[in-house]
Amino acid sequence: MNTLNVFLFHSINNMAGQYLWLDRGIIFLTTYLAYSVSIAVGIYVCVWVPLRKDISVARLFSVLHGIELFFSVGLTALSMKLIKVLVAEPRPFDTLSNVHQLVLETGYAFPSGHASITFAVAAVVYFYHKRLGMFLYLFAVLVALSRVYVGVHYPFDIVAGAILGIA
């Protein structure tokens, strides 16, 4: 195991368990908000934005942006699942001692699914809606870091997930 990866993991994960309010907030972020925000953005891009357009051509392009979002997220999810099986990296709580595991997680660690999906959504949305895209990039970074904080990913897992999502 890469010593930098382990050092960074412990640097972030050792903050867990010190403040109950922070642990609960990060658990809520990583468990509920990560995919809920992605779904809400998908609905916004696919339904709300096209309905606000007056011109049918603009409405069609908005619908195409929504379709692009769903294909991008789907392809990212498929690629991520394939890489997880091929690399088969165990999670930190399976290989390290003194891990503050705050959520239950199964399967392989590399790359982070939460990071890849949230970054994929941010990348597509940023292409058409800069301000919302910047907010989603910030949100994706918080989600990615939360995965290390709760003890289910190494930092390199989330970096790989972010790269996969953006690509």
Foldseek 3Di string as FASTA:
>chain_A
DDPVLVVQLCVQQVVPPPDPVVLVVLCCLQPPVLVVVLVVVLCCQQPVVLVPDDDVVSSVVSNVLSVVLVVLLVVLLVVQVVVQVVVVAAFQVVPDPPGQASDDDDGGPAAPSSLQNLLLSLLSCCVPPVVVSVVSVVSSVSNLSSCSNNRGYTNVNNVRSNVSSND
